[in-house]
Every structure is written in C-alpha cells, then in structure tokens.
Amino acid sequence: MPEPGGKKYDTRRARMRKEAERSGISDQDANDVANEESQREPQYRSSGPRTERGRGPTRERPESSG
C-alpha cells in the first residue's frame, strides 16, 4: 500500500497537483487540494508503526498497565 512519503504516493499527489494547476487553481491551493484528495482515500493513508519499537516505549503506550 502506498503511504505518505512513498514514491507512488508522491507521484500520484504530484499528478493531482499538476491537474489542479492546469484547471486554474493557484499554486498553493493546488498543493492543498492534492494533499486533501490523497489523504481521503484509505489506501493512501498511513497504516501506523510497523513494529513494536515504532509504537514507542512500553510504559508510554495507552494499552499498557505500567
């Protein structure tokens, strides 16, 4: 799955931004539109940390009883 910062995500976002610019939307607004559109689709959302270590210190996790 493509995630923010990944090549497929960035490529798709750049295409959407270019399309918005061509339709007459300003540069800054085109960037905002592309970001919003990319984040709406579930396949392009971040799936969170991939490892236990990525979730942070054990004592600071919400489900921890520590």
C-alpha atoms as a PDB file:
ATOM      1  CA  MET A   1       0.000   0.000   0.000  1.00  0.00           C
ATOM      2  CA  PRO A   2       1.339   3.440  -0.822  1.00  0.00           C
ATOM      3  CA  GLU A   3       1.899   5.636   2.225  1.00  0.00           C
ATOM      4  CA  PRO A   4       2.693   9.329   2.611  1.00  0.00           C
ATOM      5  CA  GLY A   5       6.323   9.869   1.686  1.00  0.00           C
ATOM      6  CA  GLY A   6       6.405   6.822  -0.571  1.00  0.00           C
ATOM      7  CA  LYS A   7       7.196   7.055  -4.261  1.00  0.00           C
ATOM      8  CA  LYS A   8       3.740   6.006  -5.523  1.00  0.00           C
ATOM      9  CA  TYR A   9       2.014   8.386  -3.119  1.00  0.00           C
ATOM     10  CA  ASP A  10       4.243  11.306  -4.106  1.00  0.00           C
ATOM     11  CA  THR A  11       3.910  10.572  -7.817  1.00  0.00           C
ATOM     12  CA  ARG A  12       0.118  10.460  -7.608  1.00  0.00           C
ATOM     13  CA  ARG A  13      -0.011  13.632  -5.494  1.00  0.00           C
ATOM     14  CA  ALA A  14       2.222  15.463  -7.991  1.00  0.00           C
ATOM     15  CA  ARG A  15      -0.063  14.459 -10.873  1.00  0.00           C
ATOM     16  CA  MET A  16      -3.145  15.635  -8.988  1.00  0.00           C
ATOM     17  CA  ARG A  17      -1.423  18.927  -8.166  1.00  0.00           C
ATOM     18  CA  LYS A  18      -0.459  19.472 -11.804  1.00  0.00           C
ATOM     19  CA  GLU A  19      -4.052  18.798 -12.916  1.00  0.00           C
ATOM     20  CA  ALA A  20      -5.366  21.309 -10.394  1.00  0.00           C
ATOM     21  CA  GLU A  21      -2.883  23.945 -11.592  1.00  0.00           C
ATOM     22  CA  ARG A  22      -3.941  23.375 -15.200  1.00  0.00           C
ATOM     23  CA  SER A  23      -7.584  23.871 -14.252  1.00  0.00           C
ATOM     24  CA  GLY A  24      -6.777  27.379 -12.984  1.00  0.00           C
ATOM     25  CA  ILE A  25      -6.262  26.819  -9.255  1.00  0.00           C
ATOM     26  CA  SER A  26      -3.380  28.800  -7.702  1.00  0.00           C
ATOM     27  CA  ASP A  27      -0.125  27.052  -6.841  1.00  0.00           C
ATOM     28  CA  GLN A  28      -0.689  26.980  -3.062  1.00  0.00           C
ATOM     29  CA  ASP A  29      -4.323  25.950  -3.383  1.00  0.00           C
ATOM     30  CA  ALA A  30      -3.395  23.183  -5.837  1.00  0.00           C
ATOM     31  CA  ASN A  31      -0.993  21.788  -3.260  1.00  0.00           C
ATOM     32  CA  ASP A  32      -3.713  21.821  -0.589  1.00  0.00           C
ATOM     33  CA  VAL A  33      -6.243  20.182  -2.912  1.00  0.00           C
ATOM     34  CA  ALA A  34      -3.795  17.420  -3.844  1.00  0.00           C
ATOM     35  CA  ASN A  35      -3.000  16.720  -0.189  1.00  0.00           C
ATOM     36  CA  GLU A  36      -6.666  16.573   0.793  1.00  0.00           C
ATOM     37  CA  GLU A  37      -7.566  14.283  -2.099  1.00  0.00           C
ATOM     38  CA  SER A  38      -4.662  11.932  -1.359  1.00  0.00           C
ATOM     39  CA  GLN A  39      -5.482  11.688   2.333  1.00  0.00           C
ATOM     40  CA  ARG A  40      -9.165  10.951   1.714  1.00  0.00           C
ATOM     41  CA  GLU A  41      -8.502   7.623   0.056  1.00  0.00           C
ATOM     42  CA  PRO A  42      -7.913   4.834   2.588  1.00  0.00           C
ATOM     43  CA  GLN A  43      -5.235   3.100   0.518  1.00  0.00           C
ATOM     44  CA  TYR A  44      -3.066   6.232   0.721  1.00  0.00           C
ATOM     45  CA  ARG A  45      -3.353   6.767   4.495  1.00  0.00           C
ATOM     46  CA  SER A  46      -0.567   5.856   6.865  1.00  0.00           C
ATOM     47  CA  SER A  47      -1.068   2.468   8.499  1.00  0.00           C
ATOM     48  CA  GLY A  48       0.918   3.465  11.587  1.00  0.00           C
ATOM     49  CA  PRO A  49       4.035   1.929  13.076  1.00  0.00           C
ATOM     50  CA  ARG A  50       5.085  -1.371  11.554  1.00  0.00           C
ATOM     51  CA  THR A  51       6.961  -2.747  14.584  1.00  0.00           C
ATOM     52  CA  GLU A  52       6.560  -2.802  18.350  1.00  0.00           C
ATOM     53  CA  ARG A  53       9.531  -0.470  18.647  1.00  0.00           C
ATOM     54  CA  GLY A  54       7.811   2.028  16.371  1.00  0.00           C
ATOM     55  CA  ARG A  55       4.938   2.305  18.844  1.00  0.00           C
ATOM     56  CA  GLY A  56       7.209   3.894  21.452  1.00  0.00           C
ATOM     57  CA  PRO A  57       8.331   2.966  24.958  1.00  0.00           C
ATOM     58  CA  THR A  58       6.258   0.196  26.547  1.00  0.00           C
ATOM     59  CA  ARG A  59       5.301   2.279  29.590  1.00  0.00           C
ATOM     60  CA  GLU A  60       4.027   5.142  27.423  1.00  0.00           C
ATOM     61  CA  ARG A  61       1.627   3.098  25.291  1.00  0.00           C
ATOM     62  CA  PRO A  62      -2.075   3.674  26.006  1.00  0.00           C
ATOM     63  CA  GLU A  63      -2.903  -0.028  26.497  1.00  0.00           C
ATOM     64  CA  SER A  64      -0.020  -0.523  28.943  1.00  0.00           C
ATOM     65  CA  SER A  65      -0.823  -1.031  32.614  1.00  0.00           C
ATOM     66  CA  GLY A  66       2.719   0.049  33.621  1.00  0.00           C
END
